[in-house]
């Protein structure tokens, strides 16, 4: 019998995950995958993105992570290794996982009819960028599985997932070649593995502890996440605390699982440190240059904490509340999430806080040229888990608010993606001041202006300017419009089929649950 505080009774409709939910999750993944493919920019702009692309290119074509092409093109961001070979500033995790997309562009799409040989670089950049669409889709799908896995009603889980996937920067970053979508996918996947993968009614009620093998697998993935971005090591500590909170409810059995997670994470961390020592002569030399534009010193923690916090929370160009409006509602649901699953709630609360305070002190806390609070985007995905409980018991006002936040967030992402943020941010004095310090007064107003400028203009913009969509960009680059039309049609067809499949699967699941409720009565 369910108790009053049982996770399944909090919403009045909760139910454990099932194979049908995972079938529905596949349709959900396909829906967001094709949607993000269609809305991708398909090109790279910043040094961060370019150097990831160069590393991927070197791995696919030459089996090395050295990037001499970056130096030749005067777009190198990194440092020479002990042998004098130029290496990008970032470890190779993202580049390794981008290799299939690069290979797709190099060996398939670049050889399609209507693609001039001189456009190969444009095509491989386009396909590499599409990897972020897949990683964002994975993050959204794991998020959904997490919610249904802890007993959230299907409708609440789907609405929360739509809010995450359309109204937070995980949507915007699906269109660029930054590492945030991949980090978010790894974090949500590990959270699902630990807290929701094998839940059943008894697990939800009795707090079945996380097994040592499961904790070890989770730790291994989190350790490997440091090869994507070294600062992901913060997540190892947060997940270890979360495991202790979860297993602590099972008669003090939290420490062994937390230890197993931390021990397994050392595999990835050790690979990272060995990589640094081999290439740069020290385990703690991460390949970053000492300075960037205007000789600005990087990788220090000199920003006044209040300035960084203000920037992340309230500044018009980086506020998490502005760029991810659903977190307003998610904060309301954290208490209910805590009562439902303390381990998962620990992640939803502690990871955003840890990242917020860590990056608020960072010299380049704004994330370089980018949109919104880039560095905390993966943590915001976990914070949005608070949406599940609050939407499960939503009254009329909460439902209206959720729709308002969904629309507002989608509008912000749409503006962010409509035109190139580099076209708005690159002019001196707009985004950075004369000393290359981020201007706290910067806002989306510039991109709004560009949106209406190109909306009303009849003159086609130059290559790289104007509407920021891959089919616009590639058409300007000389690729056949017929070839592009075939690609768009294929993606649109996949999106349409996926939406229909998702709708049918959701309807079937709702009907199944209705029958169960009728039988139980």
Protein backbone atom coordinates (compact mmCIF):
# COMPACT_ATOMS: atom_id res chain seq x y z
CA UNK A 1 0.00 0.00 0.00
CA UNK A 2 1.22 3.50 -0.78
CA UNK A 3 1.95 5.72 2.13
CA UNK A 4 1.00 9.36 2.24
CA UNK A 5 4.61 10.36 1.57
CA UNK A 6 5.26 7.74 -1.10
CA UNK A 7 6.79 9.10 -4.29
CA UNK A 8 3.94 7.56 -6.24
CA UNK A 9 1.27 9.35 -4.26
CA UNK A 10 2.69 12.85 -4.30
CA UNK A 11 1.21 13.62 -7.68
CA UNK A 12 -1.87 11.46 -7.43
CA UNK A 13 -1.04 10.07 -10.87
CA UNK A 14 2.53 8.86 -10.49
CA UNK A 15 3.60 5.56 -11.91
CA UNK A 16 6.85 3.68 -12.26
CA UNK A 17 8.82 3.67 -15.50
CA UNK A 18 8.07 0.95 -18.01
CA UNK A 19 9.28 -0.38 -21.34
CA UNK A 20 6.56 1.71 -22.99
CA UNK A 21 8.08 4.81 -21.42
CA UNK A 22 11.42 3.94 -22.94
CA UNK A 23 9.72 3.37 -26.30
CA UNK A 24 8.15 6.80 -25.91
CA UNK A 25 11.58 8.20 -25.01
CA UNK A 26 12.95 6.95 -28.34
CA UNK A 27 10.26 8.92 -30.18
CA UNK A 28 11.05 11.91 -27.98
CA UNK A 29 14.73 11.66 -28.83
CA UNK A 30 13.95 11.43 -32.55
CA UNK A 31 11.61 14.42 -32.35
CA UNK A 32 14.17 16.68 -30.71
CA UNK A 33 16.97 15.28 -32.85
CA UNK A 34 15.27 16.25 -36.12
CA UNK A 35 14.03 19.55 -34.68
CA UNK A 36 17.52 20.51 -33.54
CA UNK A 37 18.97 19.41 -36.89
CA UNK A 38 16.58 21.71 -38.71
CA UNK A 39 17.32 24.65 -36.43
CA UNK A 40 21.09 24.20 -36.26
CA UNK A 41 23.34 26.98 -37.52
CA UNK A 42 25.70 24.41 -38.99
CA UNK A 43 28.78 26.57 -38.70
CA UNK A 44 31.47 27.53 -36.20
CA UNK A 45 32.43 31.07 -35.22
CA UNK A 46 34.53 31.23 -32.05
CA UNK A 47 38.05 30.07 -31.31
CA UNK A 48 36.62 27.49 -28.89
CA UNK A 49 34.54 25.94 -31.64
CA UNK A 50 37.19 26.18 -34.33
CA UNK A 51 39.86 24.49 -32.25
CA UNK A 52 37.51 21.62 -31.38
CA UNK A 53 36.80 21.29 -35.10
CA UNK A 54 40.53 21.36 -35.94
CA UNK A 55 41.24 18.65 -33.36
CA UNK A 56 38.45 16.50 -34.77
CA UNK A 57 39.80 17.02 -38.26
CA UNK A 58 43.32 16.02 -37.20
CA UNK A 59 42.01 12.90 -35.48
CA UNK A 60 39.96 11.77 -38.49
CA UNK A 61 42.49 12.59 -41.20
CA UNK A 62 45.85 12.14 -39.44
CA UNK A 63 45.26 10.28 -36.16
CA UNK A 64 46.71 13.07 -34.01
CA UNK A 65 45.42 15.92 -31.88
CA UNK A 66 48.02 18.41 -33.15
CA UNK A 67 46.40 21.34 -34.97
CA UNK A 68 48.96 22.97 -37.30
CA UNK A 69 46.06 24.08 -39.53
CA UNK A 70 44.87 26.37 -36.73
CA UNK A 71 48.24 28.15 -36.75
CA UNK A 72 48.27 28.37 -40.54
CA UNK A 73 44.81 29.94 -40.50
CA UNK A 74 45.75 32.36 -37.69
CA UNK A 75 43.01 30.95 -35.48
CA UNK A 76 44.98 29.02 -32.89
CA UNK A 77 43.85 28.94 -29.27
CA UNK A 78 46.10 26.74 -27.18
CA UNK A 79 49.83 26.25 -26.75
CA UNK A 80 52.68 24.21 -28.23
CA UNK A 81 53.38 20.86 -26.61
CA UNK A 82 56.83 19.73 -25.40
CA UNK A 83 57.71 18.81 -29.01
CA UNK A 84 56.62 22.16 -30.41
CA UNK A 85 53.40 20.82 -31.92
CA UNK A 86 50.40 23.17 -31.55
CA UNK A 87 47.64 21.68 -29.41
CA UNK A 88 44.18 23.12 -28.76
CA UNK A 89 43.46 24.36 -25.26
CA UNK A 90 40.89 21.67 -24.54
CA UNK A 91 41.31 17.94 -23.87
CA UNK A 92 40.21 15.71 -26.76
CA UNK A 93 36.99 14.26 -25.32
CA UNK A 94 34.54 16.28 -27.39
CA UNK A 95 36.68 16.01 -30.52
CA UNK A 96 36.81 12.21 -30.18
CA UNK A 97 33.03 11.96 -29.91
CA UNK A 98 32.57 14.36 -32.86
CA UNK A 99 34.58 12.13 -35.18
CA UNK A 100 31.57 10.23 -36.65
CA UNK A 101 29.88 13.50 -37.64
CA UNK A 102 33.07 14.85 -39.19
CA UNK A 103 33.53 11.60 -41.11
CA UNK A 104 29.93 11.83 -42.34
CA UNK A 105 30.69 15.23 -43.82
CA UNK A 106 34.11 14.31 -45.20
CA UNK A 107 33.23 10.98 -46.78
CA UNK A 108 29.50 11.21 -47.52
CA UNK A 109 27.94 14.66 -47.74
CA UNK A 110 30.98 16.31 -49.35
CA UNK A 111 30.69 13.79 -52.18
CA UNK A 112 27.01 14.40 -52.87
CA UNK A 113 25.96 15.95 -56.18
CA UNK A 114 25.90 19.72 -56.05
CA UNK A 115 28.72 20.05 -53.51
CA UNK A 116 31.80 21.71 -55.04
CA UNK A 117 35.13 20.24 -53.84
CA UNK A 118 36.19 23.63 -52.51
CA UNK A 119 33.20 23.57 -50.13
CA UNK A 120 34.35 20.47 -48.24
CA UNK A 121 35.47 22.58 -45.27
CA UNK A 122 32.00 24.15 -45.02
CA UNK A 123 30.34 20.73 -45.15
CA UNK A 124 32.51 19.08 -42.50
CA UNK A 125 32.03 22.07 -40.20
CA UNK A 126 28.29 21.73 -40.75
CA UNK A 127 28.14 18.02 -39.93
CA UNK A 128 30.48 18.39 -36.95
CA UNK A 129 28.20 21.08 -35.56
CA UNK A 130 25.27 18.65 -35.83
CA UNK A 131 26.86 16.57 -33.08
CA UNK A 132 25.60 19.15 -30.59
CA UNK A 133 22.06 18.54 -31.83
CA UNK A 134 22.45 14.87 -30.90
CA UNK A 135 24.00 15.59 -27.51
CA UNK A 136 21.24 18.10 -26.66
CA UNK A 137 18.60 15.57 -27.71
CA UNK A 138 20.20 12.95 -25.46
CA UNK A 139 20.17 15.39 -22.53
CA UNK A 140 16.47 16.10 -23.09
CA UNK A 141 15.65 12.39 -23.38
CA UNK A 142 17.52 11.41 -20.22
CA UNK A 143 15.77 14.29 -18.45
CA UNK A 144 12.39 12.82 -19.43
CA UNK A 145 13.42 9.33 -18.32
CA UNK A 146 14.57 10.76 -15.01
CA UNK A 147 11.20 12.35 -14.32
CA UNK A 148 9.09 9.30 -15.20
CA UNK A 149 11.65 7.16 -13.39
CA UNK A 150 10.93 8.91 -10.09
CA UNK A 151 7.19 8.61 -10.59
CA UNK A 152 6.24 11.89 -12.27
CA UNK A 153 2.99 11.70 -14.24
CA UNK A 154 3.46 11.40 -17.97
CA UNK A 155 1.83 14.72 -18.81
CA UNK A 156 3.90 16.57 -16.24
CA UNK A 157 7.08 14.88 -17.47
CA UNK A 158 6.35 15.73 -21.10
CA UNK A 159 5.54 19.36 -20.28
CA UNK A 160 8.70 19.71 -18.19
CA UNK A 161 10.71 18.15 -21.02
CA UNK A 162 9.22 20.53 -23.56
CA UNK A 163 10.12 23.46 -21.29
CA UNK A 164 13.70 22.22 -21.00
CA UNK A 165 14.13 21.41 -24.68
CA UNK A 166 12.56 24.57 -26.09
CA UNK A 167 12.87 27.27 -23.45
CA UNK A 168 16.39 26.90 -22.02
CA UNK A 169 19.83 27.34 -23.60
CA UNK A 170 20.12 23.60 -24.22
CA UNK A 171 18.09 24.48 -27.34
CA UNK A 172 20.35 27.35 -28.38
CA UNK A 173 23.54 25.41 -27.71
CA UNK A 174 22.27 22.51 -29.83
CA UNK A 175 23.08 24.74 -32.79
CA UNK A 176 26.76 25.45 -32.00
CA UNK A 177 29.94 23.43 -31.44
CA UNK A 178 30.45 24.17 -27.74
CA UNK A 179 30.94 21.39 -25.17
CA UNK A 180 27.91 22.23 -23.01
CA UNK A 181 25.40 19.88 -24.74
CA UNK A 182 27.78 16.94 -24.38
CA UNK A 183 28.40 17.69 -20.70
CA UNK A 184 24.66 18.01 -20.10
CA UNK A 185 24.02 14.66 -21.82
CA UNK A 186 26.66 12.95 -19.67
CA UNK A 187 25.32 14.45 -16.44
CA UNK A 188 21.67 13.60 -17.14
CA UNK A 189 22.63 10.13 -18.35
CA UNK A 190 24.54 9.44 -15.14
CA UNK A 191 21.68 10.81 -13.03
CA UNK A 192 19.25 8.50 -14.83
CA UNK A 193 21.58 5.54 -14.33
CA UNK A 194 21.88 6.22 -10.60
CA UNK A 195 18.39 7.34 -9.64
CA UNK A 196 15.83 6.13 -12.16
CA UNK A 197 16.99 3.35 -14.51
CA UNK A 198 15.70 0.37 -12.54
CA UNK A 199 13.13 1.99 -10.30
CA UNK A 200 9.98 0.04 -9.55
CA UNK A 201 7.19 0.74 -7.03
CA UNK A 202 9.07 -0.94 -4.17
CA UNK A 203 12.28 0.94 -4.97
CA UNK A 204 10.44 4.23 -4.98
CA UNK A 205 8.85 3.55 -1.61
CA UNK A 206 11.66 1.80 0.23
CA UNK A 207 14.66 3.74 -1.05
CA UNK A 208 16.57 0.79 -2.54
CA UNK A 209 20.28 1.70 -2.34
CA UNK A 210 22.44 2.31 -5.38
CA UNK A 211 24.59 -0.74 -6.04
CA UNK A 212 28.38 -0.57 -6.09
CA UNK A 213 28.65 -1.60 -9.79
CA UNK A 214 26.14 1.09 -10.80
CA UNK A 215 28.00 3.71 -8.77
CA UNK A 216 31.28 2.62 -10.35
CA UNK A 217 29.90 2.90 -13.90
CA UNK A 218 28.53 6.35 -13.05
CA UNK A 219 31.90 7.40 -11.67
CA UNK A 220 33.70 6.16 -14.76
CA UNK A 221 31.47 8.28 -17.01
CA UNK A 222 31.86 11.34 -14.80
CA UNK A 223 35.62 10.91 -14.76
CA UNK A 224 35.67 10.70 -18.55
CA UNK A 225 33.59 13.90 -18.63
CA UNK A 226 36.73 15.73 -17.46
CA UNK A 227 38.20 14.90 -20.87
CA UNK A 228 35.42 17.05 -22.31
CA UNK A 229 35.99 19.93 -19.90
CA UNK A 230 38.30 19.66 -16.88
CA UNK A 231 35.93 21.68 -14.68
CA UNK A 232 33.44 18.80 -14.96
CA UNK A 233 35.37 17.34 -12.02
CA UNK A 234 33.04 19.46 -9.88
CA UNK A 235 30.24 17.08 -10.84
CA UNK A 236 32.13 14.10 -9.40
CA UNK A 237 31.99 15.58 -5.91
CA UNK A 238 28.34 16.61 -6.29
CA UNK A 239 27.24 13.17 -7.51
CA UNK A 240 29.17 11.50 -4.69
CA UNK A 241 27.28 13.60 -2.15
CA UNK A 242 24.02 12.78 -3.95
CA UNK A 243 24.74 9.04 -3.76
CA UNK A 244 25.39 9.36 -0.03
CA UNK A 245 22.11 11.22 0.38
CA UNK A 246 20.24 8.55 -1.57
CA UNK A 247 21.86 5.55 0.09
CA UNK A 248 21.92 7.24 3.47
CA UNK A 249 18.20 6.59 3.61
CA UNK A 250 18.99 2.87 3.30
CA UNK A 251 20.50 2.44 6.79
CA UNK A 252 23.78 4.24 6.29
CA UNK A 253 24.95 2.45 3.17
CA UNK A 254 25.92 5.64 1.35
CA UNK A 255 29.67 5.72 1.89
CA UNK A 256 30.66 2.54 -0.04
CA UNK A 257 28.73 3.53 -3.16
CA UNK A 258 30.04 7.10 -3.01
CA UNK A 259 33.57 5.75 -2.63
CA UNK A 260 33.05 3.42 -5.62
CA UNK A 261 31.88 6.39 -7.70
CA UNK A 262 34.88 8.52 -6.73
CA UNK A 263 37.35 5.66 -7.20
CA UNK A 264 36.03 4.89 -10.69
CA UNK A 265 36.13 8.56 -11.64
CA UNK A 266 39.90 8.56 -11.11
CA UNK A 267 40.28 6.57 -14.34
CA UNK A 268 39.13 9.51 -16.45
CA UNK A 269 40.91 12.06 -14.28
CA UNK A 270 44.13 10.03 -14.48
CA UNK A 271 43.86 9.92 -18.29
CA UNK A 272 43.44 13.69 -18.32
CA UNK A 273 46.45 14.28 -16.06
CA UNK A 274 48.58 11.82 -18.04
CA UNK A 275 47.52 13.58 -21.25
CA UNK A 276 48.65 16.91 -19.77
CA UNK A 277 51.95 15.52 -18.51
CA UNK A 278 52.72 13.83 -21.82
CA UNK A 279 51.95 16.88 -23.96
CA UNK A 280 52.79 19.82 -21.74
CA UNK A 281 55.24 18.46 -19.18
CA UNK A 282 52.99 18.76 -16.12
CA UNK A 283 49.74 17.03 -15.05
CA UNK A 284 48.29 20.44 -14.24
CA UNK A 285 49.22 22.18 -17.49
CA UNK A 286 45.93 22.12 -19.36
CA UNK A 287 47.05 23.66 -22.62
CA UNK A 288 45.45 27.05 -22.15
CA UNK A 289 47.41 30.07 -23.33
CA UNK A 290 48.50 32.51 -20.67
CA UNK A 291 46.53 35.33 -22.27
CA UNK A 292 44.00 35.99 -25.01
CA UNK A 293 42.74 39.15 -26.73
CA UNK A 294 44.48 42.29 -25.58
CA UNK A 295 46.88 40.25 -23.43
CA UNK A 296 44.03 39.53 -21.03
CA UNK A 297 45.08 36.91 -18.48
CA UNK A 298 42.91 33.80 -18.52
CA UNK A 299 42.20 30.89 -16.20
CA UNK A 300 42.47 32.92 -13.05
CA UNK A 301 39.93 33.58 -10.35
CA UNK A 302 40.13 37.32 -10.01
CA UNK A 303 36.53 38.37 -10.64
CA UNK A 304 34.86 39.85 -7.54
CA UNK A 305 32.35 37.25 -6.41
CA UNK A 306 29.45 39.71 -6.25
CA UNK A 307 30.15 40.87 -9.79
CA UNK A 308 30.13 37.30 -11.09
CA UNK A 309 26.96 36.42 -9.19
CA UNK A 310 25.22 39.55 -10.44
CA UNK A 311 26.28 38.70 -13.97
CA UNK A 312 24.95 35.15 -13.86
CA UNK A 313 21.72 36.03 -12.09
CA UNK A 314 20.66 39.53 -13.08
CA UNK A 315 22.71 41.05 -15.92
CA UNK A 316 20.70 41.51 -19.14
CA UNK A 317 23.21 39.60 -21.25
CA UNK A 318 23.91 36.57 -19.04
CA UNK A 319 21.09 36.18 -16.51
CA UNK A 320 20.06 32.56 -16.03
CA UNK A 321 16.52 33.72 -15.28
CA UNK A 322 16.34 35.59 -18.59
CA UNK A 323 17.88 32.87 -20.75
CA UNK A 324 16.24 29.94 -18.94
CA UNK A 325 12.87 31.21 -17.62
CA UNK A 326 11.64 27.69 -16.64
CA UNK A 327 14.10 27.66 -13.71
CA UNK A 328 11.79 30.16 -11.99
CA UNK A 329 9.17 27.43 -11.73
CA UNK A 330 11.78 24.72 -11.12
CA UNK A 331 12.96 26.49 -7.97
CA UNK A 332 9.43 26.21 -6.60
CA UNK A 333 9.48 22.44 -7.14
CA UNK A 334 12.78 21.69 -5.44
CA UNK A 335 11.13 21.10 -2.07
CA UNK A 336 8.80 18.47 -3.51
CA UNK A 337 11.71 16.92 -5.40
CA UNK A 338 13.62 16.68 -2.11
CA UNK A 339 10.72 14.82 -0.49
CA UNK A 340 10.54 12.48 -3.46
CA UNK A 341 14.22 11.70 -4.02
CA UNK A 342 16.89 13.35 -1.87
CA UNK A 343 19.73 12.10 -4.05
CA UNK A 344 18.34 13.59 -7.23
CA UNK A 345 17.34 16.78 -5.43
CA UNK A 346 20.91 17.10 -4.14
CA UNK A 347 22.15 17.19 -7.73
CA UNK A 348 19.43 19.63 -8.83
CA UNK A 349 20.37 21.99 -6.00
CA UNK A 350 24.09 21.49 -5.41
CA UNK A 351 25.42 21.28 -8.98
CA UNK A 352 23.97 24.67 -10.03
CA UNK A 353 25.20 26.26 -6.80
CA UNK A 354 28.68 24.77 -7.10
CA UNK A 355 29.02 25.86 -10.71
CA UNK A 356 27.56 29.28 -10.00
CA UNK A 357 30.05 30.11 -7.24
CA UNK A 358 33.00 28.49 -9.03
CA UNK A 359 32.53 30.32 -12.32
CA UNK A 360 31.45 33.58 -10.68
CA UNK A 361 35.10 33.99 -9.61
CA UNK A 362 36.53 32.92 -12.96
CA UNK A 363 38.35 35.61 -14.95
CA UNK A 364 36.30 34.98 -18.09
CA UNK A 365 33.09 34.11 -16.28
CA UNK A 366 30.97 35.30 -19.23
CA UNK A 367 32.26 32.38 -21.33
CA UNK A 368 33.94 34.36 -24.09
CA UNK A 369 31.88 35.15 -27.16
CA UNK A 370 28.67 33.21 -26.58
CA UNK A 371 25.00 33.53 -25.72
CA UNK A 372 23.74 33.57 -22.14
CA UNK A 373 25.32 31.92 -19.07
CA UNK A 374 27.32 29.39 -21.06
CA UNK A 375 29.33 27.76 -18.29
CA UNK A 376 26.31 26.89 -16.13
CA UNK A 377 24.09 25.54 -18.92
CA UNK A 378 24.60 21.82 -18.02
CA UNK A 379 23.83 22.57 -14.36
CA UNK A 380 20.65 24.44 -15.34
CA UNK A 381 19.44 21.27 -17.06
CA UNK A 382 19.64 19.44 -13.73
CA UNK A 383 18.00 22.34 -11.91
CA UNK A 384 15.01 21.97 -14.23
CA UNK A 385 14.26 18.60 -12.60
CA UNK A 386 12.26 20.66 -10.10
CA UNK A 387 9.71 21.17 -12.88
CA UNK A 388 8.48 17.59 -12.61
CA UNK A 389 7.03 17.73 -9.09
CA UNK A 390 5.61 21.23 -9.42
CA UNK A 391 3.84 20.38 -12.68
CA UNK A 392 2.55 17.09 -11.27
CA UNK A 393 0.32 18.98 -8.84
CA UNK A 394 -0.20 22.03 -11.03
CA UNK A 395 -3.33 24.09 -10.56
CA UNK A 396 -4.66 26.51 -13.14
CA UNK A 397 -2.23 29.30 -12.23
CA UNK A 398 0.83 27.06 -12.37
CA UNK A 399 -0.29 25.69 -15.75
CA UNK A 400 -0.68 29.20 -17.12
CA UNK A 401 2.69 30.21 -15.70
CA UNK A 402 4.36 27.16 -17.23
CA UNK A 403 3.01 28.08 -20.68
CA UNK A 404 4.13 31.70 -20.25
CA UNK A 405 7.64 30.60 -19.26
CA UNK A 406 7.76 28.12 -22.13
CA UNK A 407 6.82 30.79 -24.67
CA UNK A 408 9.16 33.38 -23.14
CA UNK A 409 12.10 30.98 -23.07
CA UNK A 410 11.46 29.77 -26.62
CA UNK A 411 11.37 33.40 -27.78
CA UNK A 412 14.74 34.08 -26.15
CA UNK A 413 16.29 31.01 -27.79
CA UNK A 414 14.74 31.97 -31.12
CA UNK A 415 16.23 35.45 -30.97
CA UNK A 416 19.59 33.99 -29.93
CA UNK A 417 19.59 31.66 -32.92
CA UNK A 418 18.03 33.86 -35.60
CA UNK A 419 21.24 35.77 -36.36
CA UNK A 420 24.89 35.23 -35.50
CA UNK A 421 25.83 36.31 -31.99
CA UNK A 422 29.31 37.04 -33.35
CA UNK A 423 27.90 39.61 -35.75
CA UNK A 424 26.47 41.39 -32.71
CA UNK A 425 29.30 40.82 -30.23
CA UNK A 426 32.47 41.14 -32.30
CA UNK A 427 32.44 44.95 -32.87
CA UNK A 428 34.79 46.53 -30.35
CA UNK A 429 33.18 48.16 -27.36
CA UNK A 430 29.85 46.37 -27.63
CA UNK A 431 30.40 43.07 -25.83
CA UNK A 432 33.88 43.78 -24.44
CA UNK A 433 35.26 47.16 -23.49
CA UNK A 434 38.64 48.50 -24.62
CA UNK A 435 40.38 46.34 -22.00
CA UNK A 436 38.58 43.17 -23.12
CA UNK A 437 36.42 43.14 -20.01
CA UNK A 438 32.83 42.00 -20.43
CA UNK A 439 30.33 44.86 -20.38
CA UNK A 440 27.66 44.11 -17.79
CA UNK A 441 25.20 46.27 -19.70
CA UNK A 442 25.33 44.07 -22.80
CA UNK A 443 21.95 42.56 -23.75
CA UNK A 444 20.10 40.79 -26.53
CA UNK A 445 19.00 44.16 -27.89
CA UNK A 446 21.69 43.97 -30.54
CA UNK A 447 20.46 40.63 -31.84
CA UNK A 448 16.88 41.86 -31.75
CA UNK A 449 18.00 44.78 -33.92
CA UNK A 450 19.72 42.39 -36.33
CA UNK A 451 16.59 40.23 -36.45
CA UNK A 452 14.40 43.10 -37.59
CA UNK A 453 17.13 44.46 -39.86
CA UNK A 454 17.29 41.25 -41.86
CA UNK A 455 13.55 40.70 -41.64
CA UNK A 456 12.91 43.98 -43.42
CA UNK A 457 15.89 43.87 -45.78
CA UNK A 458 15.57 42.75 -49.39
CA UNK A 459 19.34 42.67 -49.92
CA UNK A 460 21.03 39.29 -49.31
CA UNK A 461 23.61 39.42 -46.51
CA UNK A 462 27.21 38.43 -47.08
CA UNK A 463 28.43 34.93 -46.29
CA UNK A 464 28.46 34.50 -42.51
CA UNK A 465 26.01 37.32 -41.87
CA UNK A 466 22.23 37.48 -41.86
CA UNK A 467 19.99 34.55 -41.01
CA UNK A 468 21.96 31.97 -39.09
CA UNK A 469 20.77 28.65 -40.51
CA UNK A 470 22.86 25.96 -42.10
CA UNK A 471 20.84 25.82 -45.35
CA UNK A 472 21.17 29.61 -45.76
CA UNK A 473 24.87 29.51 -44.99
CA UNK A 474 25.65 26.55 -47.27
CA UNK A 475 23.60 28.01 -50.12
CA UNK A 476 25.65 31.20 -49.92
CA UNK A 477 28.77 29.04 -49.93
CA UNK A 478 27.89 27.61 -53.33
CA UNK A 479 26.24 24.30 -52.53
CA UNK A 480 23.37 23.35 -54.82
CA UNK A 481 19.97 24.46 -53.60
CA UNK A 482 18.53 21.18 -54.87
CA UNK A 483 20.93 19.21 -52.67
CA UNK A 484 20.07 21.39 -49.69
CA UNK A 485 16.36 20.96 -50.42
CA UNK A 486 16.78 17.17 -50.26
CA UNK A 487 18.52 17.43 -46.87
CA UNK A 488 15.87 19.79 -45.49
CA UNK A 489 13.06 17.57 -46.80
CA UNK A 490 14.62 14.47 -45.22
CA UNK A 491 14.98 16.20 -41.85
CA UNK A 492 11.48 17.66 -42.03
CA UNK A 493 10.04 14.25 -42.89
CA UNK A 494 11.91 12.70 -39.97
CA UNK A 495 10.60 15.41 -37.67
CA UNK A 496 7.01 14.93 -38.85
CA UNK A 497 7.14 11.15 -38.48
CA UNK A 498 8.70 11.48 -35.04
CA UNK A 499 6.04 13.94 -33.83
CA UNK A 500 3.28 11.58 -34.99
CA UNK A 501 5.00 8.62 -33.36
CA UNK A 502 5.49 10.58 -30.13
CA UNK A 503 1.84 11.65 -30.06
CA UNK A 504 0.57 8.12 -30.68
CA UNK A 505 2.92 6.62 -28.12
CA UNK A 506 1.91 9.19 -25.49
CA UNK A 507 -1.79 8.62 -26.22
CA UNK A 508 -1.35 4.86 -25.92
CA UNK A 509 0.50 5.24 -22.62
CA UNK A 510 -2.20 7.53 -21.23
CA UNK A 511 -4.89 5.06 -22.27
CA UNK A 512 -2.96 2.23 -20.67
CA UNK A 513 -2.67 4.13 -17.39
CA UNK A 514 -6.37 5.03 -17.50
CA UNK A 515 -7.27 1.37 -17.78
CA UNK A 516 -4.99 0.54 -14.84
CA UNK A 517 -6.65 3.21 -12.72
CA UNK A 518 -10.12 1.94 -13.66
CA UNK A 519 -9.13 -1.64 -12.78
CA UNK A 520 -7.67 -0.55 -9.43
CA UNK A 521 -10.96 1.15 -8.57
